[in-house]
């Protein structure tokens, strides 16, 4: 499989500028709360203004403070998204049907993950519902359930993705992914987990050896998805806090 991530680019310069703006706004917000109130002249004028026009003064102060804070958070979030956005080298995106076909082609009976489609939304997750795999995951001590949900935007030829991680609960060897504690892992790398076990393989003849050796990493899901997106000339970007993906 050709690695299109090697030729893809990320708008890191633009991301850095937006991040710096966000950090500057947050610094202004903290300065306004912590330091301005310690300046006698400012404190005197602010107190007099509040005494004269309490509703207007408090409304203005809260509005300005909240506005600076939200704008700072927005800029920082936007900067992180830009930093983790993969832009394809080609400028000739292929049709959505071709991209969907390539994404669904990732499905393979021998792989531990599967791709399902629901309109413009596709979900890629480990096969914890299949007996063959949940037994293996249980033996390997799998404690987290990872899922990548993507949404296709045909107009802008962009694929937005949200990554979730849920704690696994094992009951009678049946896995359950708890919704409590799920969180977004947009663009970050989750540590690989490797499981190797040795024990009695057979009684007659008596043999001891390796029972299983399985390695899973979220990149085993992330890489083929992003690679298929870039191969078709589409852009892949994380979508933190998005409610459109139905999560």
C-alpha atoms as a PDB file:
ATOM      1  CA  UNK A   1       0.000   0.000   0.000  1.00  0.00           C
ATOM      2  CA  UNK A   2       1.373   3.371  -0.995  1.00  0.00           C
ATOM      3  CA  UNK A   3       1.819   5.749   1.933  1.00  0.00           C
ATOM      4  CA  UNK A   4       0.144   9.008   0.911  1.00  0.00           C
ATOM      5  CA  UNK A   5       0.847  10.498   4.342  1.00  0.00           C
ATOM      6  CA  UNK A   6       4.474  10.926   3.279  1.00  0.00           C
ATOM      7  CA  UNK A   7       3.504  13.422   0.588  1.00  0.00           C
ATOM      8  CA  UNK A   8       0.640  15.066   2.491  1.00  0.00           C
ATOM      9  CA  UNK A   9       1.143  18.488   4.050  1.00  0.00           C
ATOM     10  CA  UNK A  10      -0.161  20.212   7.165  1.00  0.00           C
ATOM     11  CA  UNK A  11      -0.772  23.980   7.479  1.00  0.00           C
ATOM     12  CA  UNK A  12       1.617  24.188  10.442  1.00  0.00           C
ATOM     13  CA  UNK A  13       2.558  27.838   9.940  1.00  0.00           C
ATOM     14  CA  UNK A  14      -1.067  28.945   9.924  1.00  0.00           C
ATOM     15  CA  UNK A  15      -1.763  26.650  12.881  1.00  0.00           C
ATOM     16  CA  UNK A  16       1.078  28.222  14.866  1.00  0.00           C
ATOM     17  CA  UNK A  17      -0.181  31.750  14.173  1.00  0.00           C
ATOM     18  CA  UNK A  18      -3.710  30.882  15.277  1.00  0.00           C
ATOM     19  CA  UNK A  19      -2.369  29.115  18.380  1.00  0.00           C
ATOM     20  CA  UNK A  20      -0.286  32.147  19.337  1.00  0.00           C
ATOM     21  CA  UNK A  21      -3.323  34.418  18.936  1.00  0.00           C
ATOM     22  CA  UNK A  22      -5.319  32.100  21.179  1.00  0.00           C
ATOM     23  CA  UNK A  23      -2.581  31.996  23.812  1.00  0.00           C
ATOM     24  CA  UNK A  24      -2.306  35.796  23.705  1.00  0.00           C
ATOM     25  CA  UNK A  25      -6.073  36.162  24.230  1.00  0.00           C
ATOM     26  CA  UNK A  26      -5.978  33.764  27.171  1.00  0.00           C
ATOM     27  CA  UNK A  27      -3.074  35.745  28.645  1.00  0.00           C
ATOM     28  CA  UNK A  28      -5.111  38.951  28.323  1.00  0.00           C
ATOM     29  CA  UNK A  29      -8.036  37.221  30.032  1.00  0.00           C
ATOM     30  CA  UNK A  30      -5.882  36.038  32.948  1.00  0.00           C
ATOM     31  CA  UNK A  31      -4.215  39.459  33.218  1.00  0.00           C
ATOM     32  CA  UNK A  32      -7.616  41.147  33.364  1.00  0.00           C
ATOM     33  CA  UNK A  33      -8.791  38.889  36.200  1.00  0.00           C
ATOM     34  CA  UNK A  34      -5.616  38.600  38.261  1.00  0.00           C
ATOM     35  CA  UNK A  35      -3.704  41.836  37.796  1.00  0.00           C
ATOM     36  CA  UNK A  36      -6.058  44.669  36.827  1.00  0.00           C
ATOM     37  CA  UNK A  37      -7.886  44.447  40.118  1.00  0.00           C
ATOM     38  CA  UNK A  38      -4.605  45.054  41.953  1.00  0.00           C
ATOM     39  CA  UNK A  39      -4.093  48.457  40.268  1.00  0.00           C
ATOM     40  CA  UNK A  40      -5.545  51.135  42.628  1.00  0.00           C
ATOM     41  CA  UNK A  41      -6.650  53.538  39.869  1.00  0.00           C
ATOM     42  CA  UNK A  42      -8.414  50.772  37.907  1.00  0.00           C
ATOM     43  CA  UNK A  43     -10.049  49.384  41.038  1.00  0.00           C
ATOM     44  CA  UNK A  44     -11.309  52.823  42.077  1.00  0.00           C
ATOM     45  CA  UNK A  45     -12.768  53.652  38.669  1.00  0.00           C
ATOM     46  CA  UNK A  46     -14.336  50.203  38.276  1.00  0.00           C
ATOM     47  CA  UNK A  47     -15.928  50.385  41.739  1.00  0.00           C
ATOM     48  CA  UNK A  48     -17.333  53.845  41.003  1.00  0.00           C
ATOM     49  CA  UNK A  49     -18.732  52.654  37.660  1.00  0.00           C
ATOM     50  CA  UNK A  50     -20.394  49.615  39.267  1.00  0.00           C
ATOM     51  CA  UNK A  51     -21.898  51.791  42.006  1.00  0.00           C
ATOM     52  CA  UNK A  52     -23.286  54.229  39.439  1.00  0.00           C
ATOM     53  CA  UNK A  53     -24.505  51.712  36.821  1.00  0.00           C
ATOM     54  CA  UNK A  54     -24.370  48.229  38.367  1.00  0.00           C
ATOM     55  CA  UNK A  55     -26.255  46.281  35.660  1.00  0.00           C
ATOM     56  CA  UNK A  56     -24.532  47.938  32.744  1.00  0.00           C
ATOM     57  CA  UNK A  57     -21.068  47.740  34.323  1.00  0.00           C
ATOM     58  CA  UNK A  58     -21.317  44.101  35.349  1.00  0.00           C
ATOM     59  CA  UNK A  59     -22.869  43.137  32.008  1.00  0.00           C
ATOM     60  CA  UNK A  60     -20.077  44.867  30.096  1.00  0.00           C
ATOM     61  CA  UNK A  61     -17.292  43.383  32.213  1.00  0.00           C
ATOM     62  CA  UNK A  62     -18.717  39.868  32.067  1.00  0.00           C
ATOM     63  CA  UNK A  63     -19.427  40.145  28.342  1.00  0.00           C
ATOM     64  CA  UNK A  64     -15.916  41.354  27.484  1.00  0.00           C
ATOM     65  CA  UNK A  65     -14.281  38.774  29.739  1.00  0.00           C
ATOM     66  CA  UNK A  66     -16.384  35.908  28.398  1.00  0.00           C
ATOM     67  CA  UNK A  67     -15.852  37.042  24.820  1.00  0.00           C
ATOM     68  CA  UNK A  68     -12.054  37.128  25.188  1.00  0.00           C
ATOM     69  CA  UNK A  69     -12.069  33.723  26.908  1.00  0.00           C
ATOM     70  CA  UNK A  70     -14.248  32.018  24.279  1.00  0.00           C
ATOM     71  CA  UNK A  71     -12.307  33.575  21.420  1.00  0.00           C
ATOM     72  CA  UNK A  72      -9.061  32.344  22.985  1.00  0.00           C
ATOM     73  CA  UNK A  73     -10.425  28.806  23.341  1.00  0.00           C
ATOM     74  CA  UNK A  74     -11.719  28.921  19.757  1.00  0.00           C
ATOM     75  CA  UNK A  75      -8.343  30.015  18.388  1.00  0.00           C
ATOM     76  CA  UNK A  76      -6.441  27.359  20.344  1.00  0.00           C
ATOM     77  CA  UNK A  77      -8.853  24.648  19.207  1.00  0.00           C
ATOM     78  CA  UNK A  78      -8.690  25.858  15.617  1.00  0.00           C
ATOM     79  CA  UNK A  79      -4.902  25.896  15.742  1.00  0.00           C
ATOM     80  CA  UNK A  80      -4.772  22.313  16.993  1.00  0.00           C
ATOM     81  CA  UNK A  81      -7.182  21.212  14.261  1.00  0.00           C
ATOM     82  CA  UNK A  82      -5.051  22.876  11.572  1.00  0.00           C
ATOM     83  CA  UNK A  83      -1.919  21.261  12.975  1.00  0.00           C
ATOM     84  CA  UNK A  84      -3.480  17.802  12.670  1.00  0.00           C
ATOM     85  CA  UNK A  85      -5.140  18.385   9.273  1.00  0.00           C
ATOM     86  CA  UNK A  86      -3.756  16.280   6.428  1.00  0.00           C
ATOM     87  CA  UNK A  87      -3.883  17.996   3.036  1.00  0.00           C
ATOM     88  CA  UNK A  88      -3.366  15.778  -0.044  1.00  0.00           C
ATOM     89  CA  UNK A  89      -0.708  16.555  -2.597  1.00  0.00           C
ATOM     90  CA  UNK A  90      -3.152  16.203  -5.504  1.00  0.00           C
ATOM     91  CA  UNK A  91      -5.698  18.931  -6.206  1.00  0.00           C
ATOM     92  CA  UNK A  92      -8.012  16.646  -8.207  1.00  0.00           C
ATOM     93  CA  UNK A  93     -10.364  14.947  -5.710  1.00  0.00           C
ATOM     94  CA  UNK A  94     -12.115  11.797  -6.876  1.00  0.00           C
ATOM     95  CA  UNK A  95     -15.906  11.293  -6.512  1.00  0.00           C
ATOM     96  CA  UNK A  96     -17.360  10.434  -3.108  1.00  0.00           C
ATOM     97  CA  UNK A  97     -18.449   6.998  -4.343  1.00  0.00           C
ATOM     98  CA  UNK A  98     -14.833   6.102  -5.123  1.00  0.00           C
ATOM     99  CA  UNK A  99     -13.686   7.227  -1.673  1.00  0.00           C
ATOM    100  CA  UNK A 100     -16.444   5.267   0.069  1.00  0.00           C
ATOM    101  CA  UNK A 101     -15.527   2.181  -1.955  1.00  0.00           C
ATOM    102  CA  UNK A 102     -11.886   2.470  -0.857  1.00  0.00           C
ATOM    103  CA  UNK A 103     -12.881   3.013   2.774  1.00  0.00           C
ATOM    104  CA  UNK A 104     -15.165  -0.027   2.803  1.00  0.00           C
ATOM    105  CA  UNK A 105     -12.420  -2.049   1.089  1.00  0.00           C
ATOM    106  CA  UNK A 106     -10.425  -1.693   4.316  1.00  0.00           C
ATOM    107  CA  UNK A 107     -12.687  -4.444   5.696  1.00  0.00           C
ATOM    108  CA  UNK A 108     -10.830  -7.716   5.916  1.00  0.00           C
ATOM    109  CA  UNK A 109     -11.715 -10.917   7.816  1.00  0.00           C
ATOM    110  CA  UNK A 110      -8.110 -11.137   9.015  1.00  0.00           C
ATOM    111  CA  UNK A 111      -7.978  -7.638  10.540  1.00  0.00           C
ATOM    112  CA  UNK A 112      -9.211  -6.815  14.051  1.00  0.00           C
ATOM    113  CA  UNK A 113     -11.271  -3.805  12.947  1.00  0.00           C
ATOM    114  CA  UNK A 114     -14.231  -3.177  10.689  1.00  0.00           C
ATOM    115  CA  UNK A 115     -15.716  -0.293   8.689  1.00  0.00           C
ATOM    116  CA  UNK A 116     -19.469   0.360   8.629  1.00  0.00           C
ATOM    117  CA  UNK A 117     -21.389   2.994   6.683  1.00  0.00           C
ATOM    118  CA  UNK A 118     -24.473   5.030   7.558  1.00  0.00           C
ATOM    119  CA  UNK A 119     -24.989   7.536   4.761  1.00  0.00           C
ATOM    120  CA  UNK A 120     -22.173  10.097   4.861  1.00  0.00           C
ATOM    121  CA  UNK A 121     -20.968   8.768   8.212  1.00  0.00           C
ATOM    122  CA  UNK A 122     -18.558   5.838   8.526  1.00  0.00           C
ATOM    123  CA  UNK A 123     -17.374   4.197  11.725  1.00  0.00           C
ATOM    124  CA  UNK A 124     -14.171   2.231  12.116  1.00  0.00           C
ATOM    125  CA  UNK A 125     -13.790   0.179  15.271  1.00  0.00           C
ATOM    126  CA  UNK A 126     -12.314  -2.997  16.695  1.00  0.00           C
ATOM    127  CA  UNK A 127     -14.410  -6.155  16.303  1.00  0.00           C
ATOM    128  CA  UNK A 128     -15.291  -6.568  19.960  1.00  0.00           C
ATOM    129  CA  UNK A 129     -18.710  -7.994  19.017  1.00  0.00           C
ATOM    130  CA  UNK A 130     -17.253 -10.987  17.172  1.00  0.00           C
ATOM    131  CA  UNK A 131     -16.503 -14.063  19.280  1.00  0.00           C
ATOM    132  CA  UNK A 132     -13.149 -14.758  17.629  1.00  0.00           C
ATOM    133  CA  UNK A 133     -11.868 -11.300  18.431  1.00  0.00           C
ATOM    134  CA  UNK A 134     -13.403 -10.534  21.813  1.00  0.00           C
ATOM    135  CA  UNK A 135     -11.901 -13.748  23.197  1.00  0.00           C
ATOM    136  CA  UNK A 136      -8.518 -12.633  21.923  1.00  0.00           C
ATOM    137  CA  UNK A 137      -8.995  -9.083  23.224  1.00  0.00           C
ATOM    138  CA  UNK A 138     -10.063 -10.477  26.589  1.00  0.00           C
ATOM    139  CA  UNK A 139      -6.944 -12.639  26.836  1.00  0.00           C
ATOM    140  CA  UNK A 140      -4.825  -9.681  25.805  1.00  0.00           C
ATOM    141  CA  UNK A 141      -6.329  -7.613  28.625  1.00  0.00           C
ATOM    142  CA  UNK A 142      -7.787  -4.948  26.337  1.00  0.00           C
ATOM    143  CA  UNK A 143      -8.952  -2.115  28.620  1.00  0.00           C
ATOM    144  CA  UNK A 144      -9.922   0.559  26.094  1.00  0.00           C
ATOM    145  CA  UNK A 145     -12.315   0.506  23.163  1.00  0.00           C
ATOM    146  CA  UNK A 146     -11.305   2.832  20.330  1.00  0.00           C
ATOM    147  CA  UNK A 147     -13.574   4.121  17.572  1.00  0.00           C
ATOM    148  CA  UNK A 148     -12.960   6.504  14.691  1.00  0.00           C
ATOM    149  CA  UNK A 149     -16.084   8.176  13.303  1.00  0.00           C
ATOM    150  CA  UNK A 150     -15.778  10.153  10.079  1.00  0.00           C
ATOM    151  CA  UNK A 151     -18.157  12.343   8.102  1.00  0.00           C
ATOM    152  CA  UNK A 152     -17.802  12.990   4.382  1.00  0.00           C
ATOM    153  CA  UNK A 153     -18.322  16.528   3.091  1.00  0.00           C
ATOM    154  CA  UNK A 154     -18.672  16.108  -0.671  1.00  0.00           C
ATOM    155  CA  UNK A 155     -18.965  19.855  -1.343  1.00  0.00           C
ATOM    156  CA  UNK A 156     -15.574  20.682   0.221  1.00  0.00           C
ATOM    157  CA  UNK A 157     -14.010  17.249  -0.380  1.00  0.00           C
ATOM    158  CA  UNK A 158     -13.187  17.038   3.309  1.00  0.00           C
ATOM    159  CA  UNK A 159     -13.414  14.155   5.762  1.00  0.00           C
ATOM    160  CA  UNK A 160     -13.928  15.178   9.399  1.00  0.00           C
ATOM    161  CA  UNK A 161     -13.111  12.705  12.123  1.00  0.00           C
ATOM    162  CA  UNK A 162     -13.718  12.236  15.831  1.00  0.00           C
ATOM    163  CA  UNK A 163     -11.853   9.650  17.869  1.00  0.00           C
ATOM    164  CA  UNK A 164     -13.379   8.234  21.050  1.00  0.00           C
ATOM    165  CA  UNK A 165     -11.934   5.991  23.706  1.00  0.00           C
ATOM    166  CA  UNK A 166     -14.165   4.083  26.112  1.00  0.00           C
ATOM    167  CA  UNK A 167     -13.347   1.915  29.078  1.00  0.00           C
ATOM    168  CA  UNK A 168     -13.967  -1.790  28.514  1.00  0.00           C
ATOM    169  CA  UNK A 169     -16.034  -3.756  31.021  1.00  0.00           C
ATOM    170  CA  UNK A 170     -15.714  -7.536  30.842  1.00  0.00           C
ATOM    171  CA  UNK A 171     -18.655  -9.551  32.155  1.00  0.00           C
ATOM    172  CA  UNK A 172     -18.646 -13.345  31.628  1.00  0.00           C
ATOM    173  CA  UNK A 173     -16.074 -12.783  28.875  1.00  0.00           C
ATOM    174  CA  UNK A 174     -18.494 -10.488  27.047  1.00  0.00           C
ATOM    175  CA  UNK A 175     -17.079  -7.007  26.396  1.00  0.00           C
ATOM    176  CA  UNK A 176     -19.079  -3.869  26.996  1.00  0.00           C
ATOM    177  CA  UNK A 177     -17.898  -0.365  26.121  1.00  0.00           C
ATOM    178  CA  UNK A 178     -18.964   1.996  28.893  1.00  0.00           C
ATOM    179  CA  UNK A 179     -20.195   5.371  27.696  1.00  0.00           C
ATOM    180  CA  UNK A 180     -19.155   6.984  30.958  1.00  0.00           C
ATOM    181  CA  UNK A 181     -15.657   8.351  30.643  1.00  0.00           C
ATOM    182  CA  UNK A 182     -15.566   8.483  26.858  1.00  0.00           C
ATOM    183  CA  UNK A 183     -13.482  11.321  25.519  1.00  0.00           C
ATOM    184  CA  UNK A 184     -12.140  12.806  22.316  1.00  0.00           C
ATOM    185  CA  UNK A 185      -8.621  11.931  21.178  1.00  0.00           C
ATOM    186  CA  UNK A 186      -8.521  14.105  18.061  1.00  0.00           C
ATOM    187  CA  UNK A 187      -5.226  13.767  16.255  1.00  0.00           C
ATOM    188  CA  UNK A 188      -3.276  12.385  19.201  1.00  0.00           C
ATOM    189  CA  UNK A 189      -1.533   9.033  19.367  1.00  0.00           C
ATOM    190  CA  UNK A 190      -2.678   6.352  21.756  1.00  0.00           C
ATOM    191  CA  UNK A 191       0.015   4.096  23.200  1.00  0.00           C
ATOM    192  CA  UNK A 192       0.324   0.687  21.601  1.00  0.00           C
ATOM    193  CA  UNK A 193      -0.661  -2.272  23.732  1.00  0.00           C
ATOM    194  CA  UNK A 194       1.096  -5.582  23.207  1.00  0.00           C
ATOM    195  CA  UNK A 195       0.017  -8.897  24.698  1.00  0.00           C
ATOM    196  CA  UNK A 196       2.157 -12.027  24.728  1.00  0.00           C
ATOM    197  CA  UNK A 197       1.409 -15.107  26.840  1.00  0.00           C
ATOM    198  CA  UNK A 198       3.148 -18.428  27.357  1.00  0.00           C
ATOM    199  CA  UNK A 199       1.700 -21.567  28.883  1.00  0.00           C
ATOM    200  CA  UNK A 200       0.749 -25.207  28.314  1.00  0.00           C
ATOM    201  CA  UNK A 201      -0.130 -25.686  24.642  1.00  0.00           C
ATOM    202  CA  UNK A 202      -0.929 -29.386  24.696  1.00  0.00           C
ATOM    203  CA  UNK A 203      -1.174 -32.294  27.134  1.00  0.00           C
ATOM    204  CA  UNK A 204      -0.302 -35.185  24.839  1.00  0.00           C
ATOM    205  CA  UNK A 205       2.442 -34.676  24.018  1.00  0.00           C
ATOM    206  CA  UNK A 206       3.133 -32.182  26.792  1.00  0.00           C
ATOM    207  CA  UNK A 207       4.341 -28.917  25.219  1.00  0.00           C
ATOM    208  CA  UNK A 208       4.864 -25.451  26.569  1.00  0.00           C
ATOM    209  CA  UNK A 209       5.075 -22.433  24.301  1.00  0.00           C
ATOM    210  CA  UNK A 210       3.580 -19.178  23.143  1.00  0.00           C
ATOM    211  CA  UNK A 211      -0.231 -19.201  23.361  1.00  0.00           C
ATOM    212  CA  UNK A 212      -0.883 -15.909  21.634  1.00  0.00           C
ATOM    213  CA  UNK A 213       0.945 -12.807  20.535  1.00  0.00           C
ATOM    214  CA  UNK A 214      -1.246  -9.917  19.504  1.00  0.00           C
ATOM    215  CA  UNK A 215      -0.485  -6.256  19.112  1.00  0.00           C
ATOM    216  CA  UNK A 216      -2.997  -3.500  18.560  1.00  0.00           C
ATOM    217  CA  UNK A 217      -2.562   0.213  18.160  1.00  0.00           C
ATOM    218  CA  UNK A 218      -5.011   2.914  17.162  1.00  0.00           C
ATOM    219  CA  UNK A 219      -2.753   3.693  14.215  1.00  0.00           C
ATOM    220  CA  UNK A 220      -3.805   0.341  12.751  1.00  0.00           C
ATOM    221  CA  UNK A 221      -7.211   1.982  12.294  1.00  0.00           C
ATOM    222  CA  UNK A 222      -6.152   5.567  11.727  1.00  0.00           C
ATOM    223  CA  UNK A 223      -3.506   4.971   9.056  1.00  0.00           C
ATOM    224  CA  UNK A 224      -5.537   3.053   6.418  1.00  0.00           C
ATOM    225  CA  UNK A 225      -8.465   5.488   6.786  1.00  0.00           C
ATOM    226  CA  UNK A 226      -6.406   8.665   6.368  1.00  0.00           C
ATOM    227  CA  UNK A 227      -4.361   7.003   3.619  1.00  0.00           C
ATOM    228  CA  UNK A 228      -7.554   6.185   1.652  1.00  0.00           C
ATOM    229  CA  UNK A 229      -8.806   9.752   2.100  1.00  0.00           C
ATOM    230  CA  UNK A 230      -5.560  11.275   0.813  1.00  0.00           C
ATOM    231  CA  UNK A 231      -5.329   8.748  -2.016  1.00  0.00           C
ATOM    232  CA  UNK A 232      -8.650  10.076  -3.330  1.00  0.00           C
ATOM    233  CA  UNK A 233      -7.492  13.691  -3.106  1.00  0.00           C
ATOM    234  CA  UNK A 234      -9.639  14.604  -0.096  1.00  0.00           C
ATOM    235  CA  UNK A 235      -8.538  16.442   3.058  1.00  0.00           C
ATOM    236  CA  UNK A 236      -8.700  14.755   6.471  1.00  0.00           C
ATOM    237  CA  UNK A 237      -9.132  16.858   9.597  1.00  0.00           C
ATOM    238  CA  UNK A 238     -10.148  16.250  13.230  1.00  0.00           C
ATOM    239  CA  UNK A 239     -13.481  17.739  14.280  1.00  0.00           C
ATOM    240  CA  UNK A 240     -13.410  18.376  18.047  1.00  0.00           C
ATOM    241  CA  UNK A 241     -16.709  19.204  19.753  1.00  0.00           C
ATOM    242  CA  UNK A 242     -18.644  18.448  16.568  1.00  0.00           C
ATOM    243  CA  UNK A 243     -22.244  17.364  17.158  1.00  0.00           C
ATOM    244  CA  UNK A 244     -22.867  16.650  13.481  1.00  0.00           C
ATOM    245  CA  UNK A 245     -21.083  13.312  13.680  1.00  0.00           C
ATOM    246  CA  UNK A 246     -23.778  11.952  15.942  1.00  0.00           C
ATOM    247  CA  UNK A 247     -21.517  11.039  18.873  1.00  0.00           C
END
